[in-house]
N, C-alpha and C. Protein backbone atom coordinates (compact mmCIF):
# COMPACT_ATOMS: atom_id res chain seq x y z
N UNK A 1 -10.35 -59.07 174.97
CA UNK A 1 -10.34 -58.72 176.35
C UNK A 1 -8.97 -58.21 176.81
N UNK A 2 -7.93 -58.68 176.23
CA UNK A 2 -6.64 -58.19 176.69
C UNK A 2 -6.49 -56.68 176.48
N UNK A 3 -7.14 -56.10 175.48
CA UNK A 3 -7.03 -54.67 175.23
C UNK A 3 -7.60 -53.87 176.38
N UNK A 4 -8.72 -54.33 176.98
CA UNK A 4 -9.32 -53.63 178.12
C UNK A 4 -8.41 -53.71 179.32
N UNK A 5 -7.73 -54.82 179.52
CA UNK A 5 -6.80 -54.96 180.64
C UNK A 5 -5.62 -54.02 180.52
N UNK A 6 -5.15 -53.78 179.32
CA UNK A 6 -4.03 -52.87 179.08
C UNK A 6 -4.47 -51.44 179.36
N UNK A 7 -5.68 -51.11 179.00
CA UNK A 7 -6.20 -49.77 179.23
C UNK A 7 -6.29 -49.48 180.73
N UNK A 8 -6.78 -50.44 181.50
CA UNK A 8 -6.87 -50.25 182.94
C UNK A 8 -5.48 -50.16 183.54
N UNK A 9 -4.57 -50.98 183.05
CA UNK A 9 -3.19 -50.95 183.53
C UNK A 9 -2.54 -49.61 183.18
N UNK A 10 -2.82 -49.10 181.99
CA UNK A 10 -2.28 -47.79 181.58
C UNK A 10 -2.82 -46.67 182.48
N UNK A 11 -4.10 -46.73 182.76
CA UNK A 11 -4.70 -45.71 183.62
C UNK A 11 -4.10 -45.77 185.02
N UNK A 12 -3.97 -46.97 185.53
CA UNK A 12 -3.40 -47.14 186.85
C UNK A 12 -1.96 -46.60 186.89
N UNK A 13 -1.21 -46.87 185.84
CA UNK A 13 0.17 -46.39 185.74
C UNK A 13 0.20 -44.85 185.69
N UNK A 14 -0.72 -44.26 184.92
CA UNK A 14 -0.79 -42.80 184.83
C UNK A 14 -1.08 -42.18 186.19
N UNK A 15 -2.02 -42.75 186.93
CA UNK A 15 -2.36 -42.23 188.26
C UNK A 15 -1.17 -42.35 189.21
N UNK A 16 -0.44 -43.46 189.11
CA UNK A 16 0.74 -43.65 189.96
C UNK A 16 1.81 -42.60 189.62
N UNK A 17 2.04 -42.38 188.32
CA UNK A 17 3.02 -41.37 187.91
C UNK A 17 2.60 -39.97 188.35
N UNK A 18 1.32 -39.67 188.20
CA UNK A 18 0.80 -38.37 188.64
C UNK A 18 0.97 -38.21 190.15
N UNK A 19 0.67 -39.26 190.90
CA UNK A 19 0.82 -39.21 192.36
C UNK A 19 2.28 -39.02 192.75
N UNK A 20 3.19 -39.72 192.09
CA UNK A 20 4.63 -39.60 192.37
C UNK A 20 5.10 -38.18 192.04
N UNK A 21 4.63 -37.64 190.92
CA UNK A 21 5.01 -36.27 190.52
C UNK A 21 4.54 -35.26 191.56
N UNK A 22 3.30 -35.38 192.00
CA UNK A 22 2.78 -34.46 193.01
C UNK A 22 3.54 -34.58 194.33
N UNK A 23 3.86 -35.82 194.72
CA UNK A 23 4.62 -36.02 195.96
C UNK A 23 6.01 -35.40 195.86
N UNK A 24 6.67 -35.58 194.70
CA UNK A 24 8.01 -34.99 194.51
C UNK A 24 7.93 -33.47 194.53
N UNK A 25 6.92 -32.91 193.88
CA UNK A 25 6.73 -31.46 193.85
C UNK A 25 6.52 -30.94 195.27
N UNK A 26 5.65 -31.58 196.03
CA UNK A 26 5.40 -31.19 197.42
C UNK A 26 6.63 -31.34 198.28
N UNK A 27 7.40 -32.39 198.07
CA UNK A 27 8.63 -32.61 198.83
C UNK A 27 9.63 -31.47 198.57
N UNK A 28 9.70 -31.03 197.30
CA UNK A 28 10.58 -29.90 196.97
C UNK A 28 10.20 -28.65 197.74
N UNK A 29 8.92 -28.34 197.83
CA UNK A 29 8.47 -27.19 198.61
C UNK A 29 8.72 -27.38 200.10
N UNK A 30 8.60 -28.61 200.58
CA UNK A 30 8.81 -28.88 202.00
C UNK A 30 10.28 -28.71 202.38
N UNK A 31 11.18 -28.83 201.41
CA UNK A 31 12.60 -28.69 201.71
C UNK A 31 13.02 -27.25 201.98
N UNK A 32 12.30 -26.27 201.44
CA UNK A 32 12.68 -24.86 201.61
C UNK A 32 12.74 -24.49 203.09
N UNK A 33 11.70 -24.68 203.88
CA UNK A 33 11.81 -24.33 205.30
C UNK A 33 12.86 -25.18 206.02
N UNK A 34 13.03 -26.44 205.57
CA UNK A 34 14.03 -27.31 206.17
C UNK A 34 15.44 -26.72 205.96
N UNK A 35 15.74 -26.30 204.72
CA UNK A 35 17.06 -25.70 204.44
C UNK A 35 17.21 -24.36 205.16
N UNK A 36 16.14 -23.57 205.24
CA UNK A 36 16.22 -22.31 205.98
C UNK A 36 16.60 -22.56 207.43
N UNK A 37 16.00 -23.57 208.03
CA UNK A 37 16.30 -23.90 209.43
C UNK A 37 17.74 -24.37 209.58
N UNK A 38 18.21 -25.17 208.65
CA UNK A 38 19.61 -25.63 208.69
C UNK A 38 20.55 -24.43 208.59
N UNK A 39 20.27 -23.50 207.67
CA UNK A 39 21.12 -22.31 207.50
C UNK A 39 21.09 -21.44 208.76
N UNK A 40 19.93 -21.32 209.40
CA UNK A 40 19.83 -20.52 210.62
C UNK A 40 20.63 -21.16 211.76
N UNK A 41 20.49 -22.47 211.92
CA UNK A 41 21.16 -23.17 213.02
C UNK A 41 22.68 -23.17 212.83
N UNK A 42 23.14 -23.38 211.61
CA UNK A 42 24.59 -23.45 211.36
C UNK A 42 25.23 -22.08 211.19
N UNK A 43 24.42 -21.03 211.02
CA UNK A 43 24.97 -19.68 210.88
C UNK A 43 25.39 -19.34 209.47
N UNK A 44 25.05 -20.16 208.50
CA UNK A 44 25.44 -19.90 207.11
C UNK A 44 24.84 -18.59 206.61
N UNK A 45 23.59 -18.31 206.96
CA UNK A 45 22.93 -17.09 206.51
C UNK A 45 23.68 -15.85 207.02
N UNK A 46 24.16 -15.90 208.24
CA UNK A 46 24.88 -14.77 208.83
C UNK A 46 26.20 -14.51 208.10
N UNK A 47 26.83 -15.55 207.56
CA UNK A 47 28.06 -15.37 206.79
C UNK A 47 27.80 -14.50 205.58
N UNK A 48 26.68 -14.74 204.91
CA UNK A 48 26.35 -13.95 203.72
C UNK A 48 25.97 -12.53 204.09
N UNK A 49 25.26 -12.34 205.20
CA UNK A 49 24.88 -10.99 205.62
C UNK A 49 26.10 -10.18 206.01
N UNK A 50 27.12 -10.82 206.57
CA UNK A 50 28.32 -10.11 206.99
C UNK A 50 29.07 -9.53 205.78
N UNK A 51 28.94 -10.16 204.63
CA UNK A 51 29.64 -9.71 203.44
C UNK A 51 28.88 -8.65 202.66
N UNK A 52 27.63 -8.38 203.01
CA UNK A 52 26.86 -7.37 202.31
C UNK A 52 27.34 -5.99 202.74
N UNK A 53 27.64 -5.12 201.76
CA UNK A 53 28.09 -3.78 202.13
C UNK A 53 26.95 -2.96 202.71
N UNK A 54 27.25 -2.18 203.72
CA UNK A 54 26.26 -1.27 204.29
C UNK A 54 26.44 0.06 203.57
N UNK A 55 25.39 0.52 202.93
CA UNK A 55 25.47 1.73 202.14
C UNK A 55 24.94 2.89 202.97
N UNK A 56 25.82 3.81 203.28
CA UNK A 56 25.41 5.03 203.96
C UNK A 56 26.43 6.11 203.64
N UNK A 57 25.98 7.31 203.59
CA UNK A 57 26.85 8.43 203.29
C UNK A 57 27.46 8.94 204.59
N UNK A 58 28.71 8.61 204.80
CA UNK A 58 29.39 9.02 206.03
C UNK A 58 30.05 10.39 205.88
N UNK A 59 29.91 10.99 204.71
CA UNK A 59 30.55 12.28 204.45
C UNK A 59 29.66 13.47 204.80
N UNK A 60 28.41 13.23 205.18
CA UNK A 60 27.51 14.34 205.51
C UNK A 60 27.87 14.91 206.86
N UNK A 61 28.09 16.21 206.87
CA UNK A 61 28.39 16.92 208.12
C UNK A 61 27.09 17.48 208.67
N UNK A 62 26.46 16.75 209.58
CA UNK A 62 25.17 17.17 210.12
C UNK A 62 25.30 18.25 211.18
N UNK A 63 26.53 18.62 211.53
CA UNK A 63 26.73 19.65 212.55
C UNK A 63 26.62 21.06 211.99
N UNK A 64 26.57 21.20 210.67
CA UNK A 64 26.45 22.54 210.09
C UNK A 64 25.56 22.54 208.87
N UNK A 65 25.04 23.72 208.57
CA UNK A 65 24.19 23.92 207.39
C UNK A 65 24.73 25.09 206.59
N UNK A 66 24.58 24.96 205.29
CA UNK A 66 24.96 26.03 204.37
C UNK A 66 23.67 26.54 203.73
N UNK A 67 23.47 27.83 203.71
CA UNK A 67 22.32 28.43 203.04
C UNK A 67 22.69 28.64 201.57
N UNK A 68 21.93 28.02 200.69
CA UNK A 68 22.17 28.18 199.25
C UNK A 68 21.06 29.03 198.66
N UNK A 69 21.47 30.04 197.91
CA UNK A 69 20.52 30.90 197.22
C UNK A 69 20.70 30.67 195.72
N UNK A 70 19.61 30.70 194.99
CA UNK A 70 19.65 30.41 193.56
C UNK A 70 19.19 31.62 192.76
N UNK A 71 19.91 31.88 191.68
CA UNK A 71 19.65 33.03 190.83
C UNK A 71 19.63 32.55 189.38
N UNK A 72 18.84 33.20 188.54
CA UNK A 72 18.76 32.83 187.13
C UNK A 72 18.63 34.09 186.28
N UNK A 73 19.40 34.11 185.19
CA UNK A 73 19.41 35.27 184.29
C UNK A 73 19.49 34.79 182.85
N UNK A 74 19.08 35.67 181.94
CA UNK A 74 19.29 35.42 180.51
C UNK A 74 19.98 36.65 179.93
N UNK A 75 20.79 36.41 178.93
CA UNK A 75 21.52 37.50 178.30
C UNK A 75 21.07 37.60 176.84
N UNK A 76 20.25 38.61 176.55
CA UNK A 76 19.72 38.83 175.20
C UNK A 76 19.15 37.53 174.61
N UNK A 77 18.27 36.91 175.38
CA UNK A 77 17.69 35.63 174.98
C UNK A 77 16.20 35.68 175.27
N UNK A 78 15.37 35.27 174.34
CA UNK A 78 13.92 35.33 174.50
C UNK A 78 13.38 34.20 175.37
N UNK A 79 13.95 34.03 176.53
CA UNK A 79 13.50 32.99 177.46
C UNK A 79 13.21 33.62 178.82
N UNK A 80 12.28 33.02 179.55
CA UNK A 80 12.16 33.30 180.97
C UNK A 80 12.81 32.12 181.68
N UNK A 81 13.46 32.40 182.79
CA UNK A 81 14.29 31.39 183.44
C UNK A 81 14.32 31.68 184.93
N UNK A 82 13.98 30.67 185.75
CA UNK A 82 13.98 30.88 187.20
C UNK A 82 14.08 29.54 187.93
N UNK A 83 14.61 29.58 189.17
CA UNK A 83 14.61 28.35 189.98
C UNK A 83 13.22 28.16 190.60
N UNK A 84 12.82 26.89 190.80
CA UNK A 84 11.53 26.64 191.44
C UNK A 84 11.61 26.91 192.94
N UNK A 85 12.81 26.83 193.52
CA UNK A 85 13.05 27.20 194.92
C UNK A 85 14.12 28.28 194.91
N UNK A 86 13.90 29.36 195.64
CA UNK A 86 14.89 30.44 195.64
C UNK A 86 16.04 30.17 196.59
N UNK A 87 15.82 29.29 197.59
CA UNK A 87 16.91 28.95 198.51
C UNK A 87 16.62 27.63 199.22
N UNK A 88 17.68 26.96 199.65
CA UNK A 88 17.58 25.74 200.47
C UNK A 88 18.74 25.75 201.47
N UNK A 89 18.54 25.06 202.57
CA UNK A 89 19.62 24.85 203.54
C UNK A 89 20.06 23.40 203.40
N UNK A 90 21.37 23.18 203.27
CA UNK A 90 21.89 21.82 203.09
C UNK A 90 23.05 21.57 204.05
N UNK A 91 23.22 20.31 204.38
CA UNK A 91 24.40 19.89 205.13
C UNK A 91 25.51 19.60 204.13
N UNK A 92 26.74 20.02 204.41
CA UNK A 92 27.85 19.66 203.52
C UNK A 92 27.93 18.13 203.39
N UNK A 93 28.13 17.67 202.16
CA UNK A 93 28.20 16.24 201.88
C UNK A 93 26.87 15.64 201.48
N UNK A 94 25.79 16.36 201.67
CA UNK A 94 24.44 15.87 201.36
C UNK A 94 24.17 16.04 199.86
N UNK A 95 23.65 14.98 199.21
CA UNK A 95 23.25 15.09 197.81
C UNK A 95 21.95 15.88 197.75
N UNK A 96 21.94 16.92 196.93
CA UNK A 96 20.80 17.84 196.86
C UNK A 96 20.40 18.05 195.40
N UNK A 97 19.11 18.20 195.17
CA UNK A 97 18.62 18.51 193.83
C UNK A 97 17.74 19.73 193.88
N UNK A 98 17.97 20.65 192.95
CA UNK A 98 17.08 21.79 192.75
C UNK A 98 16.68 21.79 191.28
N UNK A 99 15.55 22.42 191.00
CA UNK A 99 15.03 22.41 189.63
C UNK A 99 14.84 23.85 189.16
N UNK A 100 15.28 24.10 187.94
CA UNK A 100 15.08 25.38 187.28
C UNK A 100 14.06 25.17 186.17
N UNK A 101 13.30 26.23 185.89
CA UNK A 101 12.33 26.16 184.80
C UNK A 101 12.68 27.22 183.76
N UNK A 102 12.63 26.82 182.51
CA UNK A 102 12.92 27.73 181.42
C UNK A 102 11.76 27.67 180.42
N UNK A 103 11.46 28.84 179.83
CA UNK A 103 10.37 28.93 178.84
C UNK A 103 10.86 29.76 177.67
N UNK A 104 10.69 29.22 176.47
CA UNK A 104 11.00 29.96 175.26
C UNK A 104 9.79 30.83 174.92
N UNK A 105 9.94 32.14 175.02
CA UNK A 105 8.83 33.07 174.77
C UNK A 105 8.79 33.52 173.31
N UNK A 106 9.70 33.03 172.51
CA UNK A 106 9.77 33.43 171.10
C UNK A 106 8.99 32.44 170.23
N UNK A 107 8.72 32.86 168.99
CA UNK A 107 8.02 31.99 168.05
C UNK A 107 9.00 31.26 167.13
N UNK A 108 10.21 31.05 167.61
CA UNK A 108 11.22 30.31 166.85
C UNK A 108 12.02 29.43 167.82
N UNK A 109 12.63 28.41 167.27
CA UNK A 109 13.48 27.52 168.07
C UNK A 109 14.76 28.27 168.44
N UNK A 110 15.18 28.12 169.72
CA UNK A 110 16.39 28.79 170.19
C UNK A 110 17.23 27.79 170.96
N UNK A 111 18.54 27.87 170.75
CA UNK A 111 19.48 27.05 171.51
C UNK A 111 20.27 27.95 172.43
N UNK A 112 20.34 27.54 173.70
CA UNK A 112 21.07 28.33 174.69
C UNK A 112 22.03 27.46 175.48
N UNK A 113 22.97 28.12 176.12
CA UNK A 113 23.95 27.45 176.98
C UNK A 113 24.00 28.22 178.30
N UNK A 114 23.88 27.49 179.40
CA UNK A 114 23.93 28.12 180.73
C UNK A 114 25.36 28.13 181.23
N UNK A 115 25.73 29.24 181.84
CA UNK A 115 27.05 29.39 182.44
C UNK A 115 26.86 29.67 183.93
N UNK A 116 27.46 28.82 184.78
CA UNK A 116 27.28 29.02 186.23
C UNK A 116 28.29 30.02 186.79
N UNK A 117 27.90 30.63 187.89
CA UNK A 117 28.83 31.45 188.67
C UNK A 117 28.45 31.31 190.14
N UNK A 118 29.40 31.61 191.01
CA UNK A 118 29.21 31.40 192.44
C UNK A 118 29.54 32.67 193.19
N UNK A 119 28.81 32.88 194.26
CA UNK A 119 29.12 33.99 195.13
C UNK A 119 29.15 33.48 196.57
N UNK A 120 30.22 33.68 197.27
CA UNK A 120 31.51 34.20 196.81
C UNK A 120 32.19 33.24 195.83
N UNK A 121 33.03 33.80 195.01
CA UNK A 121 33.66 33.04 193.93
C UNK A 121 34.41 31.81 194.42
N UNK A 122 35.06 31.91 195.57
CA UNK A 122 35.86 30.78 196.08
C UNK A 122 34.99 29.58 196.47
N UNK A 123 33.67 29.78 196.63
CA UNK A 123 32.77 28.67 196.96
C UNK A 123 32.66 27.68 195.81
N UNK A 124 32.93 28.13 194.59
CA UNK A 124 32.82 27.27 193.41
C UNK A 124 33.67 26.02 193.49
N UNK A 125 34.82 26.11 194.13
CA UNK A 125 35.70 24.94 194.21
C UNK A 125 35.17 23.87 195.16
N UNK A 126 34.17 24.19 195.97
CA UNK A 126 33.58 23.23 196.90
C UNK A 126 32.21 22.74 196.43
N UNK A 127 31.81 23.16 195.25
CA UNK A 127 30.51 22.82 194.68
C UNK A 127 30.72 21.72 193.64
N UNK A 128 30.25 20.53 193.91
CA UNK A 128 30.44 19.40 193.00
C UNK A 128 29.11 19.04 192.34
N UNK A 129 28.99 19.32 191.06
CA UNK A 129 27.75 19.01 190.34
C UNK A 129 27.81 17.58 189.80
N UNK A 130 26.77 16.81 190.07
CA UNK A 130 26.67 15.46 189.56
C UNK A 130 25.86 15.43 188.27
N UNK A 131 24.88 16.32 188.19
CA UNK A 131 24.05 16.45 186.99
C UNK A 131 23.66 17.92 186.88
N UNK A 132 23.75 18.44 185.65
CA UNK A 132 23.41 19.85 185.47
C UNK A 132 23.04 20.12 184.01
N UNK A 133 22.02 20.93 183.82
CA UNK A 133 21.63 21.34 182.47
C UNK A 133 22.72 22.18 181.82
N UNK A 134 23.64 22.71 182.64
CA UNK A 134 24.71 23.54 182.10
C UNK A 134 25.80 22.71 181.41
N UNK A 135 25.73 21.38 181.53
CA UNK A 135 26.74 20.53 180.90
C UNK A 135 26.58 20.48 179.38
N UNK A 136 25.39 20.83 178.87
CA UNK A 136 25.15 20.77 177.43
C UNK A 136 24.19 21.88 176.99
N UNK A 137 24.20 22.14 175.71
CA UNK A 137 23.32 23.16 175.16
C UNK A 137 21.87 22.68 175.24
N UNK A 138 20.96 23.62 175.41
CA UNK A 138 19.54 23.33 175.51
C UNK A 138 18.83 23.98 174.32
N UNK A 139 18.06 23.20 173.59
CA UNK A 139 17.29 23.71 172.47
C UNK A 139 15.81 23.63 172.82
N UNK A 140 15.15 24.78 172.75
CA UNK A 140 13.72 24.84 173.05
C UNK A 140 12.96 25.32 171.83
N UNK A 141 11.85 24.65 171.55
CA UNK A 141 10.99 25.06 170.46
C UNK A 141 10.15 26.26 170.87
N UNK A 142 9.42 26.84 169.94
CA UNK A 142 8.58 28.00 170.25
C UNK A 142 7.59 27.68 171.37
N UNK A 143 7.60 28.47 172.44
CA UNK A 143 6.68 28.29 173.56
C UNK A 143 6.98 27.11 174.46
N UNK A 144 8.04 26.36 174.20
CA UNK A 144 8.34 25.18 174.99
C UNK A 144 8.77 25.56 176.41
N UNK A 145 8.31 24.76 177.38
CA UNK A 145 8.67 24.93 178.78
C UNK A 145 9.38 23.66 179.22
N UNK A 146 10.47 23.82 179.96
CA UNK A 146 11.23 22.65 180.41
C UNK A 146 11.68 22.86 181.85
N UNK A 147 11.60 21.79 182.64
CA UNK A 147 12.16 21.81 183.99
C UNK A 147 13.47 21.04 183.95
N UNK A 148 14.51 21.66 184.51
CA UNK A 148 15.85 21.11 184.41
C UNK A 148 16.48 21.00 185.80
N UNK A 149 16.89 19.80 186.20
CA UNK A 149 17.47 19.62 187.53
C UNK A 149 18.97 19.92 187.57
N UNK A 150 19.40 20.27 188.77
CA UNK A 150 20.82 20.36 189.11
C UNK A 150 20.99 19.50 190.36
N UNK A 151 21.85 18.51 190.27
CA UNK A 151 22.13 17.64 191.42
C UNK A 151 23.57 17.91 191.83
N UNK A 152 23.77 18.19 193.12
CA UNK A 152 25.10 18.61 193.57
C UNK A 152 25.36 18.19 195.01
N UNK A 153 26.63 18.33 195.38
CA UNK A 153 27.08 18.10 196.75
C UNK A 153 28.00 19.26 197.11
N UNK A 154 27.82 19.79 198.31
CA UNK A 154 28.76 20.78 198.84
C UNK A 154 29.85 19.99 199.58
N UNK A 155 31.08 20.21 199.21
CA UNK A 155 32.21 19.50 199.83
C UNK A 155 32.25 19.79 201.33
N UNK A 156 32.34 18.73 202.16
CA UNK A 156 32.41 18.94 203.61
C UNK A 156 33.63 19.75 204.05
N UNK A 157 34.62 19.87 203.19
CA UNK A 157 35.82 20.66 203.52
C UNK A 157 35.66 22.14 203.25
N UNK A 158 34.45 22.56 202.90
CA UNK A 158 34.22 23.99 202.66
C UNK A 158 34.54 24.75 203.95
N UNK A 159 35.27 25.86 203.84
CA UNK A 159 35.62 26.63 205.04
C UNK A 159 34.39 27.01 205.86
N UNK A 160 34.56 27.01 207.16
CA UNK A 160 33.45 27.28 208.09
C UNK A 160 32.89 28.69 207.94
N UNK A 161 33.70 29.63 207.42
CA UNK A 161 33.22 31.00 207.29
C UNK A 161 32.29 31.18 206.08
N UNK A 162 32.17 30.16 205.23
CA UNK A 162 31.23 30.23 204.10
C UNK A 162 29.90 29.61 204.55
N UNK A 163 29.01 30.46 204.99
CA UNK A 163 27.71 30.00 205.48
C UNK A 163 26.60 30.19 204.47
N UNK A 164 26.82 31.11 203.52
CA UNK A 164 25.82 31.39 202.49
C UNK A 164 26.52 31.40 201.14
N UNK A 165 25.95 30.65 200.19
CA UNK A 165 26.52 30.56 198.84
C UNK A 165 25.40 30.83 197.85
N UNK A 166 25.71 31.61 196.84
CA UNK A 166 24.75 31.87 195.77
C UNK A 166 25.20 31.16 194.51
N UNK A 167 24.32 30.36 193.94
CA UNK A 167 24.57 29.70 192.66
C UNK A 167 23.73 30.44 191.63
N UNK A 168 24.41 31.00 190.64
CA UNK A 168 23.73 31.78 189.62
C UNK A 168 24.01 31.19 188.25
N UNK A 169 22.99 31.13 187.42
CA UNK A 169 23.16 30.68 186.04
C UNK A 169 22.72 31.80 185.12
N UNK A 170 23.47 31.99 184.06
CA UNK A 170 23.08 32.92 183.00
C UNK A 170 23.02 32.14 181.70
N UNK A 171 21.88 32.20 181.02
CA UNK A 171 21.72 31.54 179.73
C UNK A 171 22.06 32.52 178.62
N UNK A 172 22.89 32.08 177.69
CA UNK A 172 23.26 32.84 176.51
C UNK A 172 22.79 32.07 175.28
N UNK A 173 22.35 32.82 174.25
CA UNK A 173 21.98 32.14 173.00
C UNK A 173 23.26 31.67 172.32
N UNK A 174 23.19 30.47 171.78
CA UNK A 174 24.32 29.91 171.06
C UNK A 174 24.13 30.29 169.59
N UNK A 175 25.02 31.15 169.10
CA UNK A 175 24.91 31.65 167.73
C UNK A 175 25.37 30.57 166.75
N UNK A 176 24.75 30.57 165.58
CA UNK A 176 25.18 29.67 164.51
C UNK A 176 24.67 28.25 164.64
N UNK A 177 23.85 27.95 165.63
CA UNK A 177 23.32 26.59 165.77
C UNK A 177 22.08 26.49 164.90
N UNK A 178 22.12 25.56 163.98
CA UNK A 178 20.97 25.33 163.12
C UNK A 178 20.49 23.91 163.29
N UNK A 179 19.21 23.74 163.11
CA UNK A 179 18.61 22.41 163.25
C UNK A 179 19.13 21.52 162.12
N UNK A 180 19.57 20.31 162.51
CA UNK A 180 20.05 19.35 161.52
C UNK A 180 18.87 18.77 160.76
N UNK A 181 19.01 18.61 159.44
CA UNK A 181 17.89 18.01 158.70
C UNK A 181 17.65 16.59 159.19
N UNK A 182 16.38 16.28 159.42
CA UNK A 182 16.07 14.99 160.01
C UNK A 182 15.41 14.10 159.07
């Protein structure tokens, strides 16, 4: 008979432990709103919010717009090449992205390099590229089509008399580039 008494005592102990565990778990959840209220009343939460940096671009000159025109050319290269947008209006200081599309019309792999130019030429010093396909050579397989972004900012210090800027790229074939054995 003592074995049956131990079994009942064990079960009772298990239920008590389970009940204590559930109460502790519930108490932990109940503390969250309690601590939130304490932080709100004491102003602790506001201390942390005051230290968070506010991210905004204060360099954008919304009082003026620059008309940007895009041009694309190839020099003795079996590619077609064009911007998806021929022009955009941007505020100086605004981060802008435009996309160019290139297609290899040949039945062989070709490597090309794009060279930018600006019109008027002095506008180039106010054109800051963050990302550009012109930073590296581009290799396209036969018939391959690729869209390539240019991300840039026009410097807010650009002279006021520069209202229209043309960004032109010319792709040249890179001679002597051979595919590395893979």
